Protein backbone atom coordinates (compact mmCIF):
# COMPACT_ATOMS: atom_id res chain seq x y z
CA UNK A 1 113.97 136.02 195.21
CA UNK A 2 116.68 133.35 195.60
CA UNK A 3 115.59 130.21 197.45
CA UNK A 4 118.16 127.80 198.85
CA UNK A 5 117.96 124.21 197.70
CA UNK A 6 117.62 121.37 200.19
CA UNK A 7 121.29 120.49 199.55
CA UNK A 8 122.43 124.06 200.22
CA UNK A 9 120.36 124.24 203.40
CA UNK A 10 121.85 120.99 204.66
CA UNK A 11 125.39 122.18 203.87
CA UNK A 12 124.72 125.43 205.76
CA UNK A 13 123.32 123.57 208.76
CA UNK A 14 126.24 121.14 208.79
CA UNK A 15 128.73 124.02 208.82
CA UNK A 16 126.75 125.69 211.62
CA UNK A 17 126.80 122.54 213.76
CA UNK A 18 130.51 121.91 213.10
CA UNK A 19 131.41 125.53 213.95
CA UNK A 20 129.40 125.34 217.18
CA UNK A 21 131.23 122.20 218.27
CA UNK A 22 134.59 123.68 217.23
CA UNK A 23 133.97 126.78 219.37
CA UNK A 24 133.27 124.77 222.54
CA UNK A 25 135.60 122.62 224.64
CA UNK A 26 132.69 120.20 225.07
CA UNK A 27 129.00 120.41 224.23
CA UNK A 28 125.92 118.23 223.77
CA UNK A 29 123.37 117.75 221.04
CA UNK A 30 120.78 119.61 223.10
CA UNK A 31 123.14 122.56 223.62
CA UNK A 32 123.86 122.69 219.89
CA UNK A 33 120.14 122.76 219.13
CA UNK A 34 119.66 125.64 221.59
CA UNK A 35 122.60 127.65 220.21
CA UNK A 36 121.80 127.16 216.53
CA UNK A 37 118.00 127.11 216.58
CA UNK A 38 118.01 123.85 214.62
CA UNK A 39 115.70 120.98 215.55
CA UNK A 40 117.13 118.17 217.69
CA UNK A 41 116.46 115.71 214.87
CA UNK A 42 118.47 117.82 212.40
CA UNK A 43 121.30 118.21 214.92
CA UNK A 44 121.36 114.46 215.70
CA UNK A 45 121.51 113.55 212.00
CA UNK A 46 124.35 115.99 211.30
CA UNK A 47 126.30 115.00 214.42
CA UNK A 48 126.04 111.34 213.39
CA UNK A 49 127.46 112.28 209.99
CA UNK A 50 130.35 114.22 211.54
CA UNK A 51 131.13 111.38 213.96
CA UNK A 52 131.16 108.94 211.05
CA UNK A 53 133.68 111.21 209.30
CA UNK A 54 135.73 111.33 212.54
CA UNK A 55 135.57 115.14 212.70
CA UNK A 56 133.63 114.92 215.96
CA UNK A 57 133.87 112.43 218.82
CA UNK A 58 131.82 111.49 221.87
CA UNK A 59 133.70 111.93 225.15
CA UNK A 60 131.38 110.58 227.84
CA UNK A 61 128.41 111.69 229.89
CA UNK A 62 127.68 115.17 231.22
CA UNK A 63 125.89 116.14 234.41
CA UNK A 64 122.19 115.50 234.46
CA UNK A 65 119.80 118.28 235.44
CA UNK A 66 116.93 115.81 235.50
CA UNK A 67 116.47 112.88 233.21
CA UNK A 68 119.07 111.08 231.12
CA UNK A 69 122.62 112.58 231.28
CA UNK A 70 123.64 114.21 227.97
CA UNK A 71 126.34 112.66 225.82
CA UNK A 72 129.20 115.15 225.44
CA UNK A 73 130.82 115.94 222.10
CA UNK A 74 134.09 117.56 221.13
CA UNK A 75 135.88 118.47 217.96
CA UNK A 76 138.54 115.94 216.89
CA UNK A 77 141.54 118.25 216.59
CA UNK A 78 143.84 115.63 215.06
CA UNK A 79 141.34 113.99 212.71
CA UNK A 80 142.76 115.90 209.77
CA UNK A 81 146.04 117.65 209.03
CA UNK A 82 146.86 120.74 207.00
CA UNK A 83 150.05 121.47 205.07
CA UNK A 84 151.25 125.06 205.43
CA UNK A 85 154.15 126.55 203.44
CA UNK A 86 155.85 129.96 203.78
CA UNK A 87 158.00 131.14 200.86
CA UNK A 88 158.61 134.69 202.08
CA UNK A 89 161.88 134.44 203.99
CA UNK A 90 165.54 133.63 203.38
CA UNK A 91 164.55 130.00 203.82
CA UNK A 92 161.41 128.16 202.75
CA UNK A 93 159.61 126.72 205.74
CA UNK A 94 156.63 124.44 206.12
CA UNK A 95 154.64 122.59 208.73
CA UNK A 96 152.09 119.88 209.28
CA UNK A 97 149.33 121.47 211.35
CA UNK A 98 146.29 120.10 213.13
CA UNK A 99 142.83 121.69 213.10
CA UNK A 100 143.60 123.85 216.15
CA UNK A 101 146.62 125.46 214.56
CA UNK A 102 149.10 123.32 216.51
CA UNK A 103 152.36 122.47 214.74
CA UNK A 104 152.83 118.72 214.43
CA UNK A 105 156.01 118.79 212.33
CA UNK A 106 158.13 121.70 211.06
CA UNK A 107 160.97 121.85 208.56
CA UNK A 108 162.99 124.40 206.57
CA UNK A 109 164.97 124.48 203.33
CA UNK A 110 167.58 127.21 202.68
CA UNK A 111 166.84 129.30 199.60
CA UNK A 112 170.30 130.86 199.11
CA UNK A 113 168.93 133.41 196.60
CA UNK A 114 167.68 130.66 194.30
CA UNK A 115 164.67 131.63 192.19
CA UNK A 116 162.69 130.71 189.08
CA UNK A 117 162.37 127.01 188.25
CA UNK A 118 164.91 126.05 190.90
CA UNK A 119 162.80 127.74 193.59
CA UNK A 120 159.69 125.93 192.33
CA UNK A 121 161.46 122.59 192.68
CA UNK A 122 162.39 123.58 196.26
CA UNK A 123 158.67 124.06 196.96
CA UNK A 124 157.99 120.51 195.74
CA UNK A 125 160.86 119.16 197.84
CA UNK A 126 159.48 120.91 200.92
CA UNK A 127 155.93 119.59 200.40
CA UNK A 128 157.26 116.06 199.76
CA UNK A 129 159.07 116.19 203.09
CA UNK A 130 156.00 117.44 204.94
CA UNK A 131 153.69 114.81 203.46
CA UNK A 132 156.06 112.08 204.59
CA UNK A 133 155.34 113.14 208.21
CA UNK A 134 151.55 112.96 208.12
CA UNK A 135 149.48 110.31 209.91
CA UNK A 136 145.98 111.58 209.20
CA UNK A 137 144.02 112.58 206.08
CA UNK A 138 145.15 115.89 204.56
CA UNK A 139 142.62 118.71 204.13
CA UNK A 140 144.84 120.53 201.65
CA UNK A 141 147.99 122.54 201.01
CA UNK A 142 148.20 126.25 201.79
CA UNK A 143 151.04 128.38 200.41
CA UNK A 144 152.00 131.91 201.42
CA UNK A 145 154.18 133.59 198.80
CA UNK A 146 155.65 137.07 198.42
CA UNK A 147 154.51 139.18 195.50
CA UNK A 148 151.33 140.04 193.63
CA UNK A 149 149.06 137.04 194.08
CA UNK A 150 145.73 136.29 192.40
CA UNK A 151 144.21 134.26 195.27
CA UNK A 152 141.06 133.40 193.32
CA UNK A 153 142.91 131.60 190.51
CA UNK A 154 146.02 130.71 192.54
CA UNK A 155 148.42 132.54 190.22
CA UNK A 156 151.64 134.32 191.22
CA UNK A 157 151.33 137.40 189.03
CA UNK A 158 154.75 138.77 189.96
CA UNK A 159 157.13 137.84 192.74
CA UNK A 160 160.23 140.02 192.62
CA UNK A 161 162.39 137.99 195.01
CA UNK A 162 161.49 134.60 193.48
CA UNK A 163 161.49 135.82 189.85
CA UNK A 164 158.08 134.29 189.15
CA UNK A 165 155.71 135.84 186.61
CA UNK A 166 152.21 134.51 185.92
CA UNK A 167 153.09 131.23 187.62
CA UNK A 168 149.95 129.04 188.07
CA UNK A 169 151.29 127.69 191.35
CA UNK A 170 147.96 126.42 192.73
CA UNK A 171 147.18 124.30 189.66
CA UNK A 172 150.76 122.98 189.47
CA UNK A 173 150.69 121.86 193.11
CA UNK A 174 147.11 120.55 192.83
CA UNK A 175 147.97 118.39 189.82
CA UNK A 176 151.13 117.06 191.45
CA UNK A 177 149.56 116.08 194.80
CA UNK A 178 145.85 115.72 193.98
CA UNK A 179 144.88 117.85 196.98
CA UNK A 180 143.00 121.14 197.41
CA UNK A 181 145.42 124.12 197.27
CA UNK A 182 145.03 127.68 198.52
CA UNK A 183 147.54 130.43 197.62
CA UNK A 184 147.83 133.78 199.40
CA UNK A 185 150.25 136.67 199.61
CA UNK A 186 152.35 136.06 202.72
CA UNK A 187 151.31 139.32 204.39
CA UNK A 188 147.62 138.62 203.73
CA UNK A 189 148.15 135.15 205.22
CA UNK A 190 149.74 136.76 208.29
CA UNK A 191 146.66 138.97 208.70
CA UNK A 192 144.37 135.93 208.47
CA UNK A 193 146.49 134.19 211.13
CA UNK A 194 146.19 137.17 213.48
CA UNK A 195 142.41 137.29 213.17
CA UNK A 196 142.12 133.50 213.61
CA UNK A 197 144.78 132.43 216.10
CA UNK A 198 146.36 135.68 217.34
CA UNK A 199 145.56 138.36 219.89
CA UNK A 200 143.39 140.18 217.33
CA UNK A 201 140.80 137.44 216.88
CA UNK A 202 137.72 138.73 215.11
CA UNK A 203 139.25 142.21 214.58
CA UNK A 204 137.19 144.16 212.05
CA UNK A 205 140.08 146.33 210.86
CA UNK A 206 143.76 145.43 211.07
CA UNK A 207 147.12 145.93 209.36
CA UNK A 208 149.82 143.27 209.73
CA UNK A 209 153.27 144.31 208.49
CA UNK A 210 155.34 141.22 207.64
CA UNK A 211 159.12 141.73 207.55
CA UNK A 212 161.37 139.09 206.04
CA UNK A 213 163.15 138.63 202.74
CA UNK A 214 160.46 140.99 201.49
CA UNK A 215 158.20 143.49 203.26
CA UNK A 216 154.45 143.83 202.80
CA UNK A 217 151.31 144.64 204.74
CA UNK A 218 148.22 142.46 205.06
CA UNK A 219 145.10 144.59 205.36
CA UNK A 220 141.78 143.55 206.91
CA UNK A 221 138.79 145.86 206.40
CA UNK A 222 135.37 145.10 207.87
CA UNK A 223 136.54 141.60 208.76
CA UNK A 224 137.67 140.70 205.24
CA UNK A 225 141.16 140.67 203.68
CA UNK A 226 141.59 143.56 201.27
CA UNK A 227 143.63 142.59 198.20
CA UNK A 228 143.26 145.69 196.02
CA UNK A 229 141.97 145.83 192.46
CA UNK A 230 145.21 144.41 191.09
CA UNK A 231 146.00 142.26 194.16
CA UNK A 232 148.73 144.71 195.19
CA UNK A 233 147.25 146.30 198.33
CA UNK A 234 149.90 146.54 201.05
CA UNK A 235 152.96 146.15 198.78
CA UNK A 236 154.92 148.69 200.79
CA UNK A 237 158.20 146.86 200.25
CA UNK A 238 158.57 148.59 196.89
CA UNK A 239 157.63 152.03 198.14
CA UNK A 240 160.63 154.29 197.48
CA UNK A 241 161.65 155.43 200.96
CA UNK A 242 165.27 156.55 200.44
CA UNK A 243 166.11 158.83 197.55
CA UNK A 244 169.18 157.72 195.54
CA UNK A 245 169.31 154.50 197.57
CA UNK A 246 170.42 151.03 196.48
CA UNK A 247 169.00 149.34 193.40
CA UNK A 248 166.07 147.05 194.22
CA UNK A 249 165.27 143.85 192.32
CA UNK A 250 162.08 145.54 191.14
CA UNK A 251 164.17 148.07 189.16
CA UNK A 252 163.68 151.13 191.40
CA UNK A 253 166.21 152.68 193.75
CA UNK A 254 165.75 153.09 197.50
CA UNK A 255 162.75 150.81 198.04
CA UNK A 256 161.86 149.92 201.63
CA UNK A 257 163.16 146.39 201.04
CA UNK A 258 166.63 147.76 200.23
CA UNK A 259 166.94 149.20 203.74
CA UNK A 260 164.71 147.12 206.02
CA UNK A 261 164.37 143.56 204.68
CA UNK A 262 166.29 140.64 206.19
CA UNK A 263 168.83 140.61 203.33
CA UNK A 264 169.33 144.39 203.60
CA UNK A 265 169.93 144.17 207.36
CA UNK A 266 172.43 141.31 206.94
CA UNK A 267 174.22 143.20 204.15
CA UNK A 268 174.62 146.30 206.34
CA UNK A 269 175.75 144.24 209.33
CA UNK A 270 178.46 142.55 207.27
CA UNK A 271 179.63 145.99 206.19
CA UNK A 272 179.81 147.06 209.86
CA UNK A 273 181.88 143.98 210.74
CA UNK A 274 184.31 144.64 207.89
CA UNK A 275 184.75 148.32 208.75
CA UNK A 276 184.92 148.01 212.54
CA UNK A 277 187.20 145.27 213.94
CA UNK A 278 185.93 146.07 217.48
CA UNK A 279 182.30 145.38 216.60
CA UNK A 280 180.52 142.80 218.77
CA UNK A 281 179.64 141.10 215.48
CA UNK A 282 183.29 140.07 215.01
CA UNK A 283 183.32 138.49 218.46
CA UNK A 284 180.26 136.40 217.64
CA UNK A 285 181.49 135.02 214.30
CA UNK A 286 184.80 133.95 212.77
CA UNK A 287 184.24 135.82 209.49
CA UNK A 288 181.62 138.40 208.42
CA UNK A 289 180.13 135.93 205.93
CA UNK A 290 178.77 133.94 208.90
CA UNK A 291 176.60 136.83 210.12
CA UNK A 292 172.92 135.91 210.34
CA UNK A 293 169.83 137.65 211.64
CA UNK A 294 170.20 135.79 214.92
CA UNK A 295 173.77 137.09 215.31
CA UNK A 296 172.65 140.64 214.51
CA UNK A 297 169.89 140.51 217.14
CA UNK A 298 172.36 139.20 219.70
CA UNK A 299 174.80 142.04 218.94
CA UNK A 300 171.91 144.51 219.24
CA UNK A 301 170.94 143.16 222.65
CA UNK A 302 174.59 143.38 223.75
CA UNK A 303 174.54 147.07 222.84
CA UNK A 304 176.88 147.22 219.85
CA UNK A 305 176.51 150.94 218.97
CA UNK A 306 176.77 150.42 215.20
CA UNK A 307 174.20 147.62 215.24
CA UNK A 308 171.88 149.65 217.48
CA UNK A 309 172.17 152.53 214.99
CA UNK A 310 171.41 150.12 212.14
CA UNK A 311 168.27 148.75 213.77
CA UNK A 312 167.13 152.26 214.73
CA UNK A 313 167.54 153.29 211.11
CA UNK A 314 165.57 150.24 209.95
CA UNK A 315 162.73 150.93 212.38
CA UNK A 316 162.72 154.56 211.24
CA UNK A 317 162.18 153.61 207.61
CA UNK A 318 159.52 151.08 208.61
CA UNK A 319 157.80 153.72 210.71
CA UNK A 320 157.64 156.08 207.73
CA UNK A 321 155.99 153.38 205.59
CA UNK A 322 153.52 152.44 208.33
CA UNK A 323 152.68 156.12 208.84
CA UNK A 324 151.66 156.28 205.17
CA UNK A 325 149.30 153.32 205.73
CA UNK A 326 147.85 154.92 208.84
CA UNK A 327 147.27 158.20 206.99
CA UNK A 328 145.68 156.49 203.98
CA UNK A 329 143.49 153.95 205.77
CA UNK A 330 143.05 155.27 209.33
CA UNK A 331 143.24 151.72 210.72
CA UNK A 332 144.12 151.87 214.42
CA UNK A 333 145.52 148.36 215.02
CA UNK A 334 148.99 147.73 213.56
CA UNK A 335 150.74 144.39 214.13
CA UNK A 336 154.41 143.82 213.28
CA UNK A 337 155.45 140.27 212.42
CA UNK A 338 158.63 138.63 211.18
CA UNK A 339 162.31 138.95 211.88
CA UNK A 340 162.34 142.07 214.06
CA UNK A 341 159.69 141.07 216.59
CA UNK A 342 162.33 139.51 218.85
CA UNK A 343 163.46 143.09 219.63
CA UNK A 344 160.22 143.55 221.54
CA UNK A 345 159.34 146.88 223.16
CA UNK A 346 162.28 148.96 221.80
CA UNK A 347 161.10 148.28 218.24
CA UNK A 348 157.48 149.09 219.06
CA UNK A 349 158.41 152.35 220.81
CA UNK A 350 160.59 153.40 217.87
CA UNK A 351 157.81 152.69 215.36
CA UNK A 352 155.24 154.49 217.48
CA UNK A 353 157.46 157.61 217.64
CA UNK A 354 158.06 157.55 213.89
CA UNK A 355 154.34 157.26 213.18
CA UNK A 356 153.69 160.20 215.51
CA UNK A 357 156.21 162.36 213.62
CA UNK A 358 154.98 161.41 210.12
CA UNK A 359 151.19 161.14 210.47
CA UNK A 360 148.50 163.56 211.55
CA UNK A 361 148.71 163.81 215.34
CA UNK A 362 145.08 162.88 215.97
CA UNK A 363 145.48 159.73 213.84
CA UNK A 364 148.81 158.75 215.38
CA UNK A 365 147.48 159.09 218.93
CA UNK A 366 144.71 156.56 218.20
CA UNK A 367 147.07 154.06 216.54
CA UNK A 368 148.28 151.08 218.56
CA UNK A 369 151.38 149.18 217.39
CA UNK A 370 152.17 145.73 218.76
CA UNK A 371 154.39 142.76 217.94
CA UNK A 372 152.68 139.56 216.87
CA UNK A 373 152.80 136.72 219.39
CA UNK A 374 152.56 134.10 216.63
CA UNK A 375 156.29 134.08 215.90
CA UNK A 376 157.90 132.85 212.72
CA UNK A 377 155.01 130.48 211.94
CA UNK A 378 152.51 133.27 211.32
CA UNK A 379 152.28 132.77 207.55
CA UNK A 380 152.02 128.99 207.92
CA UNK A 381 149.19 129.43 210.42
CA UNK A 382 147.51 131.91 208.10
CA UNK A 383 147.35 129.59 205.10
CA UNK A 384 146.21 126.78 207.42
CA UNK A 385 143.36 129.03 208.62
CA UNK A 386 142.55 129.82 204.98
CA UNK A 387 142.27 126.09 204.21
CA UNK A 388 140.00 125.57 207.23
CA UNK A 389 137.74 128.38 206.02
CA UNK A 390 137.57 127.29 202.40
CA UNK A 391 137.46 123.50 202.86
CA UNK A 392 135.59 123.08 206.19
CA UNK A 393 133.83 126.41 206.69
CA UNK A 394 135.55 126.92 210.05
CA UNK A 395 136.51 130.43 211.16
C-alpha cells in the first residue's frame, strides 16, 4: 500500500489551506482548521509560509465571540500574474491576468492568414508585449491553440489553419522565457474556463463549442476534460457537413469550417455585398473588402435579409454538428462561445430547433443550449485557469 512521504503530505496540506483561503472572501486560521480538519499548529505554519510568499495577506481583526479577536486572512489576488494567449481567431490575442481571472492588460495582433514560422514569430511578439506590462511575478504562460494538441508534452500535432505539424510549442516558449508553459486546444481551454469562471462552475458534464477561425468542441466528462485517444475529441470543424462544398484547408470538401467559421462567414458576406448593391453591408462600408464580423453582425441586427439568411444557414450547419455530439455523448449542457454569441437568443433558438430536428427527441428535449457569458476572452481565461491548477493547485 502506497504511503505518502512527509513532503507529499505537507504539499497536500498547503494546497488544501491555500484553496480554502481562495474560496473565501475572508477567513481566519481557526476557520481554516475547522474546514480542513488540520491542526491549528499545521495551519499556522502553512499560513505563515503563504504570507511570506505574499500569496496570502492579513486584513485586520474579526469579531470576537469570546476571547481574542481572530486575525482575518484573504487571498492576494494580484500577488502573481498569468499570461494567457489565444491563437484560434483571425487575430492572435493575449492578456495579463490576475489570480481571480481579471484582465489586467489585453492586446491583439492581426494574423492576416499568416502561418508556419511567421505565425510562431507572431506568438513571440505577442508574449513579449504582454510581459512588458507585468508588475508582479509571473506564474507561467498558457496558450490555447487550434488543432490536435498533445497537452501532456505541449506539442501541436497538427493545426490546419496555422500549418503547424509536430511543433514543440511548449518547450520552445519555455526555453525562450524560462517560465512554466501549459498548452491546450482552444476549445478544451474554453471548457476549462466555463467550469472555472463561467456559469457552469463545477459542471460534471459539459460541451463548449468554440466558433472562430476554426470550430471545435471542448468536452468535459465527469469533471475532467476529455481529449480523446489521439487528442482529437471534439474536432467537429472538419466534419463534412455539406456534400460537394468548398475545399477545406484539411483537404476535404464541405467541412463545417467552410460554412460556419469566421473566415467562411466573412467570405459569404463579401459575396452578398458584391452581388446586391442594396445590401445593408454596402451602406456600412466603402468597399466589400472592409467587411468584418462586427459589420456582419450589425447588418444582421438591422435586418438585412441576405445576411439574416446567411446567419440562419450558419446556425443550421452548427446545429447539425452539435446534434451529432448530443447523440453520441448524451451531454445535456451545451455552451456556445466565440464570434456568434453576440447574436444572443436568436442564435440559441435556431440551434435548439436544429438539434430537435436532428437528434432523438428524448435527448433533444433534455439538452440545454446557452451562450457563454465569458465573451472573447474565454480561451485566455481557460489557459489561465489551467496554469492555476497545474502550478498552484487552485481549482
